[in-house]
N, C-alpha and C. Protein backbone atom coordinates (compact mmCIF):
# COMPACT_ATOMS: atom_id res chain seq x y z
N MET A 1 5.00 -45.92 35.68
CA MET A 1 4.43 -46.61 34.53
C MET A 1 3.84 -45.66 33.49
N PRO A 2 3.14 -44.54 33.88
CA PRO A 2 2.59 -43.63 32.88
C PRO A 2 3.68 -43.03 31.98
N VAL A 3 4.86 -42.81 32.53
CA VAL A 3 5.95 -42.24 31.72
C VAL A 3 6.36 -43.21 30.63
N LEU A 4 6.39 -44.49 30.94
CA LEU A 4 6.78 -45.50 29.94
C LEU A 4 5.76 -45.56 28.79
N ARG A 5 4.50 -45.34 29.09
CA ARG A 5 3.49 -45.35 28.03
C ARG A 5 3.65 -44.16 27.08
N ARG A 6 4.18 -43.07 27.60
CA ARG A 6 4.36 -41.87 26.78
C ARG A 6 5.69 -41.87 26.05
N LEU A 7 6.56 -42.77 26.35
CA LEU A 7 7.90 -42.78 25.75
C LEU A 7 7.86 -42.85 24.23
N PRO A 8 7.05 -43.69 23.59
CA PRO A 8 7.02 -43.69 22.12
C PRO A 8 6.60 -42.33 21.55
N LEU A 9 5.64 -41.70 22.17
CA LEU A 9 5.19 -40.40 21.70
C LEU A 9 6.30 -39.36 21.86
N LEU A 10 6.96 -39.35 23.00
CA LEU A 10 8.05 -38.41 23.24
C LEU A 10 9.20 -38.64 22.26
N LEU A 11 9.50 -39.89 21.99
CA LEU A 11 10.56 -40.22 21.03
C LEU A 11 10.19 -39.76 19.63
N ALA A 12 8.95 -39.98 19.23
CA ALA A 12 8.50 -39.55 17.90
C ALA A 12 8.56 -38.03 17.77
N LEU A 13 8.15 -37.31 18.81
CA LEU A 13 8.21 -35.85 18.79
C LEU A 13 9.65 -35.36 18.72
N ALA A 14 10.53 -36.00 19.46
CA ALA A 14 11.94 -35.60 19.44
C ALA A 14 12.57 -35.83 18.07
N LEU A 15 12.20 -36.92 17.42
CA LEU A 15 12.75 -37.21 16.10
C LEU A 15 12.15 -36.30 15.02
N ALA A 16 10.90 -35.89 15.19
CA ALA A 16 10.23 -35.08 14.18
C ALA A 16 10.52 -33.59 14.33
N ALA A 17 10.96 -33.16 15.49
CA ALA A 17 11.18 -31.73 15.74
C ALA A 17 12.09 -31.07 14.71
N PRO A 18 13.20 -31.66 14.31
CA PRO A 18 14.04 -30.99 13.31
C PRO A 18 13.35 -30.78 11.96
N LEU A 19 12.37 -31.59 11.65
CA LEU A 19 11.67 -31.45 10.37
C LEU A 19 10.89 -30.15 10.29
N SER A 20 10.41 -29.65 11.44
CA SER A 20 9.63 -28.42 11.42
C SER A 20 10.49 -27.21 11.09
N ALA A 21 11.79 -27.32 11.20
CA ALA A 21 12.68 -26.20 10.92
C ALA A 21 13.17 -26.20 9.47
N GLN A 22 12.76 -27.16 8.69
CA GLN A 22 13.21 -27.23 7.30
C GLN A 22 12.51 -26.17 6.46
N ALA A 23 13.26 -25.53 5.59
CA ALA A 23 12.68 -24.53 4.69
C ALA A 23 11.82 -25.22 3.64
N ILE A 24 10.77 -24.54 3.26
CA ILE A 24 9.88 -25.07 2.24
C ILE A 24 10.05 -24.20 1.01
N ASP A 25 10.30 -24.83 -0.11
CA ASP A 25 10.41 -24.09 -1.36
C ASP A 25 9.04 -24.04 -2.03
N PHE A 26 8.62 -22.82 -2.34
CA PHE A 26 7.35 -22.62 -3.03
C PHE A 26 7.64 -22.24 -4.47
N SER A 27 6.79 -22.66 -5.35
CA SER A 27 6.95 -22.29 -6.75
C SER A 27 6.59 -20.82 -6.93
N ALA A 28 7.01 -20.25 -8.03
CA ALA A 28 6.67 -18.86 -8.33
C ALA A 28 5.16 -18.68 -8.40
N GLN A 29 4.47 -19.67 -8.92
CA GLN A 29 3.02 -19.60 -9.02
C GLN A 29 2.38 -19.59 -7.63
N GLU A 30 2.88 -20.45 -6.73
CA GLU A 30 2.35 -20.49 -5.37
C GLU A 30 2.60 -19.16 -4.65
N LEU A 31 3.79 -18.60 -4.82
CA LEU A 31 4.10 -17.32 -4.20
C LEU A 31 3.22 -16.20 -4.76
N ALA A 32 2.97 -16.22 -6.05
CA ALA A 32 2.11 -15.21 -6.67
C ALA A 32 0.69 -15.31 -6.11
N ARG A 33 0.20 -16.53 -5.95
CA ARG A 33 -1.15 -16.72 -5.39
C ARG A 33 -1.22 -16.24 -3.95
N ALA A 34 -0.17 -16.55 -3.18
CA ALA A 34 -0.13 -16.11 -1.78
C ALA A 34 -0.06 -14.59 -1.69
N ASN A 35 0.75 -13.98 -2.53
CA ASN A 35 0.85 -12.52 -2.53
C ASN A 35 -0.46 -11.87 -2.94
N ALA A 36 -1.14 -12.44 -3.92
CA ALA A 36 -2.43 -11.91 -4.36
C ALA A 36 -3.45 -12.00 -3.22
N LEU A 37 -3.44 -13.11 -2.50
CA LEU A 37 -4.34 -13.27 -1.37
C LEU A 37 -4.02 -12.23 -0.30
N GLN A 38 -2.74 -12.05 -0.01
CA GLN A 38 -2.33 -11.09 1.01
C GLN A 38 -2.82 -9.68 0.65
N GLN A 39 -2.77 -9.32 -0.61
CA GLN A 39 -3.21 -8.00 -1.03
C GLN A 39 -4.72 -7.82 -0.87
N ARG A 40 -5.47 -8.90 -0.96
CA ARG A 40 -6.93 -8.82 -0.80
C ARG A 40 -7.35 -8.76 0.67
N LEU A 41 -6.51 -9.30 1.54
CA LEU A 41 -6.83 -9.32 2.97
C LEU A 41 -6.57 -7.98 3.62
N LEU A 42 -7.24 -7.71 4.69
CA LEU A 42 -6.97 -6.56 5.53
C LEU A 42 -6.11 -7.07 6.68
N THR A 43 -4.88 -6.60 6.72
CA THR A 43 -3.93 -7.10 7.72
C THR A 43 -3.62 -6.02 8.74
N LEU A 44 -4.03 -6.27 9.98
CA LEU A 44 -3.82 -5.32 11.06
C LEU A 44 -3.02 -5.97 12.17
N ASP A 45 -2.11 -5.20 12.76
CA ASP A 45 -1.36 -5.64 13.92
C ASP A 45 -2.15 -5.18 15.15
N SER A 46 -2.38 -6.07 16.08
CA SER A 46 -3.24 -5.75 17.22
C SER A 46 -2.52 -4.93 18.29
N HIS A 47 -1.22 -4.69 18.13
CA HIS A 47 -0.51 -3.91 19.15
C HIS A 47 0.77 -3.32 18.56
N LEU A 48 0.74 -2.04 18.25
CA LEU A 48 1.93 -1.35 17.74
C LEU A 48 2.42 -0.38 18.81
N ASP A 49 3.64 -0.59 19.27
CA ASP A 49 4.23 0.27 20.29
C ASP A 49 4.93 1.49 19.70
N MET A 50 4.69 1.77 18.44
CA MET A 50 5.40 2.85 17.75
C MET A 50 5.27 4.22 18.38
N PRO A 51 4.15 4.59 18.98
CA PRO A 51 4.08 5.93 19.55
C PRO A 51 5.21 6.23 20.54
N ALA A 52 5.76 5.21 21.16
CA ALA A 52 6.88 5.43 22.07
C ALA A 52 8.10 5.95 21.32
N ASN A 53 8.21 5.68 20.03
CA ASN A 53 9.35 6.14 19.24
C ASN A 53 9.15 7.54 18.67
N PHE A 54 7.94 8.03 18.62
CA PHE A 54 7.69 9.29 17.94
C PHE A 54 8.45 10.46 18.57
N GLY A 55 8.69 10.41 19.84
CA GLY A 55 9.42 11.49 20.51
C GLY A 55 10.94 11.35 20.46
N ARG A 56 11.42 10.24 19.91
CA ARG A 56 12.87 10.03 19.85
C ARG A 56 13.50 10.90 18.78
N SER A 57 14.62 11.48 19.09
CA SER A 57 15.34 12.32 18.15
C SER A 57 15.70 11.51 16.90
N GLY A 58 15.40 12.06 15.74
CA GLY A 58 15.77 11.43 14.48
C GLY A 58 14.83 10.35 14.00
N PHE A 59 13.77 10.06 14.77
CA PHE A 59 12.84 9.02 14.31
C PHE A 59 11.82 9.61 13.36
N ASP A 60 11.68 8.97 12.21
CA ASP A 60 10.71 9.38 11.19
C ASP A 60 9.99 8.11 10.74
N ILE A 61 8.71 8.03 10.99
CA ILE A 61 7.93 6.84 10.66
C ILE A 61 7.97 6.50 9.17
N THR A 62 8.26 7.49 8.34
CA THR A 62 8.27 7.25 6.89
C THR A 62 9.60 6.70 6.39
N GLN A 63 10.59 6.61 7.28
CA GLN A 63 11.91 6.11 6.90
C GLN A 63 12.15 4.74 7.51
N ARG A 64 12.94 3.93 6.81
CA ARG A 64 13.30 2.60 7.32
C ARG A 64 14.26 2.77 8.51
N HIS A 65 14.01 2.00 9.54
CA HIS A 65 14.86 2.01 10.73
C HIS A 65 15.33 0.59 11.01
N ASP A 66 16.45 0.50 11.66
CA ASP A 66 17.02 -0.80 12.04
C ASP A 66 16.17 -1.40 13.17
N HIS A 67 15.78 -2.64 12.99
CA HIS A 67 14.95 -3.27 14.03
C HIS A 67 15.70 -3.42 15.34
N ASN A 68 17.03 -3.35 15.31
CA ASN A 68 17.80 -3.44 16.55
C ASN A 68 17.86 -2.11 17.29
N ALA A 69 17.35 -1.06 16.67
CA ALA A 69 17.35 0.27 17.29
C ALA A 69 15.98 0.56 17.91
N LEU A 70 15.37 -0.44 18.49
CA LEU A 70 14.07 -0.31 19.15
C LEU A 70 12.97 0.14 18.20
N SER A 71 13.09 -0.23 16.95
CA SER A 71 12.07 0.14 15.98
C SER A 71 11.53 -1.13 15.34
N GLN A 72 10.32 -1.47 15.68
CA GLN A 72 9.71 -2.67 15.14
C GLN A 72 8.91 -2.40 13.87
N VAL A 73 8.44 -1.15 13.71
CA VAL A 73 7.56 -0.83 12.59
C VAL A 73 7.93 0.54 12.03
N ASP A 74 7.93 0.63 10.73
CA ASP A 74 8.01 1.91 10.04
C ASP A 74 7.28 1.73 8.71
N LEU A 75 6.99 2.83 8.04
CA LEU A 75 6.19 2.75 6.82
C LEU A 75 6.81 1.86 5.75
N PRO A 76 8.10 1.97 5.45
CA PRO A 76 8.66 1.08 4.43
C PRO A 76 8.48 -0.41 4.76
N ARG A 77 8.66 -0.78 6.01
CA ARG A 77 8.48 -2.19 6.37
C ARG A 77 7.01 -2.58 6.39
N MET A 78 6.12 -1.64 6.70
CA MET A 78 4.69 -1.93 6.62
C MET A 78 4.31 -2.24 5.17
N VAL A 79 4.83 -1.44 4.24
CA VAL A 79 4.52 -1.65 2.83
C VAL A 79 5.08 -2.99 2.37
N GLU A 80 6.33 -3.27 2.69
CA GLU A 80 6.96 -4.53 2.26
C GLU A 80 6.27 -5.74 2.85
N GLY A 81 5.82 -5.63 4.08
CA GLY A 81 5.18 -6.76 4.74
C GLY A 81 3.68 -6.81 4.55
N ALA A 82 3.14 -5.90 3.75
CA ALA A 82 1.70 -5.82 3.48
C ALA A 82 0.89 -5.65 4.76
N LEU A 83 1.45 -4.88 5.69
CA LEU A 83 0.74 -4.55 6.93
C LEU A 83 -0.08 -3.29 6.67
N ASP A 84 -1.38 -3.43 6.72
CA ASP A 84 -2.27 -2.32 6.39
C ASP A 84 -2.41 -1.31 7.52
N GLY A 85 -2.03 -1.69 8.70
CA GLY A 85 -2.11 -0.78 9.84
C GLY A 85 -2.30 -1.56 11.11
N GLY A 86 -2.89 -0.91 12.08
CA GLY A 86 -3.10 -1.62 13.33
C GLY A 86 -3.56 -0.71 14.45
N PHE A 87 -3.37 -1.20 15.65
CA PHE A 87 -3.77 -0.52 16.86
C PHE A 87 -2.53 0.09 17.49
N TRP A 88 -2.42 1.40 17.39
CA TRP A 88 -1.25 2.16 17.85
C TRP A 88 -1.46 2.43 19.33
N ALA A 89 -0.57 1.91 20.15
CA ALA A 89 -0.79 1.87 21.59
C ALA A 89 -0.35 3.13 22.32
N ILE A 90 -1.25 3.59 23.18
CA ILE A 90 -0.89 4.57 24.19
C ILE A 90 -0.47 3.72 25.39
N TYR A 91 0.82 3.62 25.61
CA TYR A 91 1.32 2.81 26.71
C TYR A 91 1.97 3.70 27.75
N THR A 92 1.64 3.45 28.99
CA THR A 92 2.34 4.09 30.10
C THR A 92 2.65 3.02 31.12
N GLY A 93 3.81 3.14 31.71
CA GLY A 93 4.16 2.22 32.79
C GLY A 93 3.30 2.52 34.00
N GLN A 94 3.14 1.53 34.82
CA GLN A 94 2.34 1.72 36.02
C GLN A 94 3.29 1.88 37.18
N GLY A 95 3.34 3.07 37.73
CA GLY A 95 4.22 3.35 38.85
C GLY A 95 3.50 3.15 40.16
N ASP A 96 3.93 3.94 41.15
CA ASP A 96 3.25 3.84 42.44
C ASP A 96 1.85 4.43 42.31
N ARG A 97 1.05 4.25 43.29
CA ARG A 97 -0.35 4.64 43.22
C ARG A 97 -0.61 5.99 43.90
N SER A 98 0.38 6.86 43.90
CA SER A 98 0.19 8.18 44.49
C SER A 98 -0.51 9.11 43.51
N ALA A 99 -1.05 10.19 44.05
CA ALA A 99 -1.73 11.18 43.20
C ALA A 99 -0.74 11.78 42.19
N ALA A 100 0.48 12.03 42.61
CA ALA A 100 1.50 12.60 41.71
C ALA A 100 1.81 11.62 40.58
N ALA A 101 1.89 10.33 40.88
CA ALA A 101 2.16 9.32 39.85
C ALA A 101 1.00 9.25 38.86
N HIS A 102 -0.22 9.33 39.36
CA HIS A 102 -1.39 9.30 38.47
C HIS A 102 -1.38 10.49 37.51
N LEU A 103 -0.99 11.65 38.01
CA LEU A 103 -0.92 12.84 37.15
C LEU A 103 0.19 12.68 36.10
N ALA A 104 1.32 12.13 36.51
CA ALA A 104 2.42 11.92 35.56
C ALA A 104 2.02 10.92 34.48
N GLU A 105 1.32 9.86 34.87
CA GLU A 105 0.85 8.87 33.89
C GLU A 105 -0.19 9.49 32.95
N ARG A 106 -1.05 10.35 33.50
CA ARG A 106 -2.02 11.05 32.66
C ARG A 106 -1.29 11.89 31.61
N ASP A 107 -0.28 12.61 32.06
CA ASP A 107 0.46 13.47 31.14
C ASP A 107 1.21 12.66 30.08
N GLN A 108 1.77 11.53 30.49
CA GLN A 108 2.48 10.68 29.53
C GLN A 108 1.49 10.10 28.51
N GLY A 109 0.33 9.68 28.97
CA GLY A 109 -0.69 9.16 28.05
C GLY A 109 -1.17 10.23 27.09
N GLN A 110 -1.35 11.44 27.59
CA GLN A 110 -1.75 12.56 26.74
C GLN A 110 -0.68 12.83 25.68
N GLN A 111 0.59 12.72 26.08
CA GLN A 111 1.68 12.95 25.13
C GLN A 111 1.68 11.88 24.04
N ARG A 112 1.45 10.63 24.40
CA ARG A 112 1.39 9.56 23.40
C ARG A 112 0.24 9.81 22.42
N LEU A 113 -0.90 10.22 22.94
CA LEU A 113 -2.03 10.52 22.08
C LEU A 113 -1.70 11.68 21.15
N LEU A 114 -1.07 12.70 21.69
CA LEU A 114 -0.66 13.84 20.87
C LEU A 114 0.33 13.40 19.79
N ASP A 115 1.26 12.52 20.15
CA ASP A 115 2.25 12.01 19.19
C ASP A 115 1.55 11.31 18.02
N ILE A 116 0.56 10.49 18.33
CA ILE A 116 -0.19 9.78 17.28
C ILE A 116 -0.93 10.79 16.40
N ARG A 117 -1.59 11.72 17.02
CA ARG A 117 -2.34 12.73 16.26
C ARG A 117 -1.40 13.58 15.39
N GLU A 118 -0.23 13.91 15.90
CA GLU A 118 0.74 14.68 15.11
C GLU A 118 1.26 13.87 13.93
N MET A 119 1.47 12.58 14.12
CA MET A 119 1.90 11.72 13.03
C MET A 119 0.83 11.69 11.94
N LEU A 120 -0.42 11.58 12.34
CA LEU A 120 -1.52 11.59 11.38
C LEU A 120 -1.57 12.93 10.62
N ALA A 121 -1.40 14.03 11.34
CA ALA A 121 -1.46 15.35 10.71
C ALA A 121 -0.27 15.58 9.79
N ALA A 122 0.89 15.02 10.13
CA ALA A 122 2.09 15.21 9.31
C ALA A 122 2.07 14.37 8.04
N HIS A 123 1.30 13.28 8.05
CA HIS A 123 1.31 12.36 6.91
C HIS A 123 -0.11 11.96 6.50
N PRO A 124 -0.96 12.94 6.18
CA PRO A 124 -2.36 12.61 5.85
C PRO A 124 -2.49 11.82 4.54
N ASP A 125 -1.44 11.82 3.74
CA ASP A 125 -1.46 11.06 2.49
C ASP A 125 -1.04 9.61 2.69
N ARG A 126 -0.58 9.27 3.90
CA ARG A 126 -0.07 7.91 4.15
C ARG A 126 -0.77 7.17 5.28
N PHE A 127 -1.37 7.92 6.21
CA PHE A 127 -2.02 7.33 7.38
C PHE A 127 -3.38 7.98 7.59
N ALA A 128 -4.34 7.22 8.12
CA ALA A 128 -5.65 7.78 8.45
C ALA A 128 -6.18 7.14 9.72
N LEU A 129 -6.85 7.95 10.52
CA LEU A 129 -7.44 7.50 11.77
C LEU A 129 -8.69 6.69 11.49
N ALA A 130 -8.79 5.54 12.12
CA ALA A 130 -9.98 4.68 12.03
C ALA A 130 -10.70 4.74 13.38
N LEU A 131 -12.00 4.95 13.32
CA LEU A 131 -12.80 5.02 14.53
C LEU A 131 -13.83 3.90 14.62
N THR A 132 -14.14 3.29 13.48
CA THR A 132 -15.11 2.19 13.46
C THR A 132 -14.49 1.01 12.71
N ALA A 133 -15.12 -0.13 12.82
CA ALA A 133 -14.63 -1.32 12.11
C ALA A 133 -14.66 -1.10 10.60
N ASP A 134 -15.67 -0.42 10.10
CA ASP A 134 -15.80 -0.18 8.65
C ASP A 134 -14.71 0.74 8.10
N ASP A 135 -14.16 1.57 8.97
CA ASP A 135 -13.13 2.52 8.50
C ASP A 135 -11.91 1.82 7.94
N ALA A 136 -11.53 0.70 8.48
CA ALA A 136 -10.28 0.05 8.07
C ALA A 136 -10.27 -0.31 6.59
N ALA A 137 -11.33 -0.92 6.10
CA ALA A 137 -11.38 -1.30 4.68
C ALA A 137 -11.38 -0.07 3.78
N ARG A 138 -12.10 0.97 4.20
CA ARG A 138 -12.13 2.20 3.42
C ARG A 138 -10.74 2.85 3.36
N ILE A 139 -10.05 2.86 4.49
CA ILE A 139 -8.71 3.46 4.54
C ILE A 139 -7.74 2.65 3.69
N LYS A 140 -7.80 1.34 3.80
CA LYS A 140 -6.93 0.50 2.96
C LYS A 140 -7.19 0.77 1.48
N ALA A 141 -8.44 0.84 1.10
CA ALA A 141 -8.80 1.07 -0.31
C ALA A 141 -8.26 2.42 -0.81
N SER A 142 -8.07 3.37 0.10
CA SER A 142 -7.54 4.68 -0.29
C SER A 142 -6.02 4.68 -0.42
N GLY A 143 -5.40 3.54 -0.06
CA GLY A 143 -3.95 3.44 -0.17
C GLY A 143 -3.20 3.93 1.06
N LYS A 144 -3.92 4.21 2.12
CA LYS A 144 -3.29 4.69 3.36
C LYS A 144 -3.21 3.55 4.37
N ARG A 145 -2.45 3.79 5.42
CA ARG A 145 -2.31 2.83 6.52
C ARG A 145 -3.33 3.18 7.61
N VAL A 146 -3.90 2.16 8.20
CA VAL A 146 -4.97 2.29 9.20
C VAL A 146 -4.36 2.56 10.57
N VAL A 147 -4.89 3.57 11.26
CA VAL A 147 -4.45 3.89 12.61
C VAL A 147 -5.65 3.87 13.55
N TYR A 148 -5.78 2.77 14.28
CA TYR A 148 -6.70 2.73 15.41
C TYR A 148 -5.86 3.12 16.62
N ILE A 149 -6.45 3.78 17.57
CA ILE A 149 -5.73 4.14 18.79
C ILE A 149 -6.21 3.23 19.90
N SER A 150 -5.25 2.59 20.56
CA SER A 150 -5.59 1.69 21.66
C SER A 150 -4.83 2.14 22.90
N MET A 151 -5.19 1.56 24.02
CA MET A 151 -4.50 1.90 25.26
C MET A 151 -4.15 0.61 25.99
N GLU A 152 -2.91 0.53 26.36
CA GLU A 152 -2.46 -0.60 27.19
C GLU A 152 -2.19 -0.03 28.57
N ASN A 153 -2.90 -0.54 29.54
CA ASN A 153 -2.77 -0.07 30.90
C ASN A 153 -3.52 1.25 31.01
N VAL A 154 -4.56 1.30 31.77
CA VAL A 154 -5.39 2.50 31.83
C VAL A 154 -4.91 3.52 32.85
N SER A 155 -3.66 3.44 33.23
CA SER A 155 -3.12 4.39 34.21
C SER A 155 -3.37 5.85 33.84
N PRO A 156 -3.29 6.24 32.55
CA PRO A 156 -3.54 7.64 32.24
C PRO A 156 -4.95 8.12 32.58
N LEU A 157 -5.88 7.20 32.77
CA LEU A 157 -7.26 7.59 33.04
C LEU A 157 -7.59 7.66 34.53
N VAL A 158 -6.68 7.19 35.37
CA VAL A 158 -6.98 7.16 36.81
C VAL A 158 -7.19 8.58 37.34
N ALA A 159 -6.31 9.51 36.94
CA ALA A 159 -6.42 10.88 37.44
C ALA A 159 -7.63 11.61 36.86
N ASP A 160 -8.04 11.21 35.65
CA ASP A 160 -9.16 11.90 35.01
C ASP A 160 -9.85 10.97 34.01
N PRO A 161 -10.81 10.16 34.46
CA PRO A 161 -11.50 9.22 33.57
C PRO A 161 -12.24 9.88 32.41
N SER A 162 -12.54 11.17 32.52
CA SER A 162 -13.25 11.85 31.43
C SER A 162 -12.39 11.92 30.17
N LEU A 163 -11.10 11.68 30.27
CA LEU A 163 -10.22 11.71 29.10
C LEU A 163 -10.54 10.58 28.13
N LEU A 164 -11.27 9.61 28.56
CA LEU A 164 -11.62 8.49 27.68
C LEU A 164 -12.39 8.97 26.46
N SER A 165 -13.00 10.10 26.52
CA SER A 165 -13.80 10.59 25.40
C SER A 165 -12.98 11.41 24.41
N PHE A 166 -11.68 11.27 24.41
CA PHE A 166 -10.80 12.08 23.54
C PHE A 166 -11.36 12.14 22.16
């Protein structure tokens, strides 16, 4: 009996679902207002896996890359999408829990951090390190992209927790 009571709702949802996929046409004025708002906002991505690409042969963060080539973010697409920056992830896979695996994860995490720092040093006119919440607005105002450093999976710290103070 409860299913029968929900049938009208399910039918209405099934009939309305195609409507959500319809394109909406915005006027030039509406688009201009939206773009102006976007420029005033501080837009950060909470998880950028880009440091994994920094070691790849031929990868240059300042050049456009094909999204099908494992590249989700690059500077040209950040500019086009009004992405002011984000949290650049130090990611390491979590392997077995042996001492050797912990050391390998530490080394991989250190390499990711070094990759981020090298990117910042190579492009000081385009990217800047943010350490506090206030830094992001200041960096955006300077015309640079915001780079917070984040860590997904704390495996690199298991072998040496003192590395957290990098």
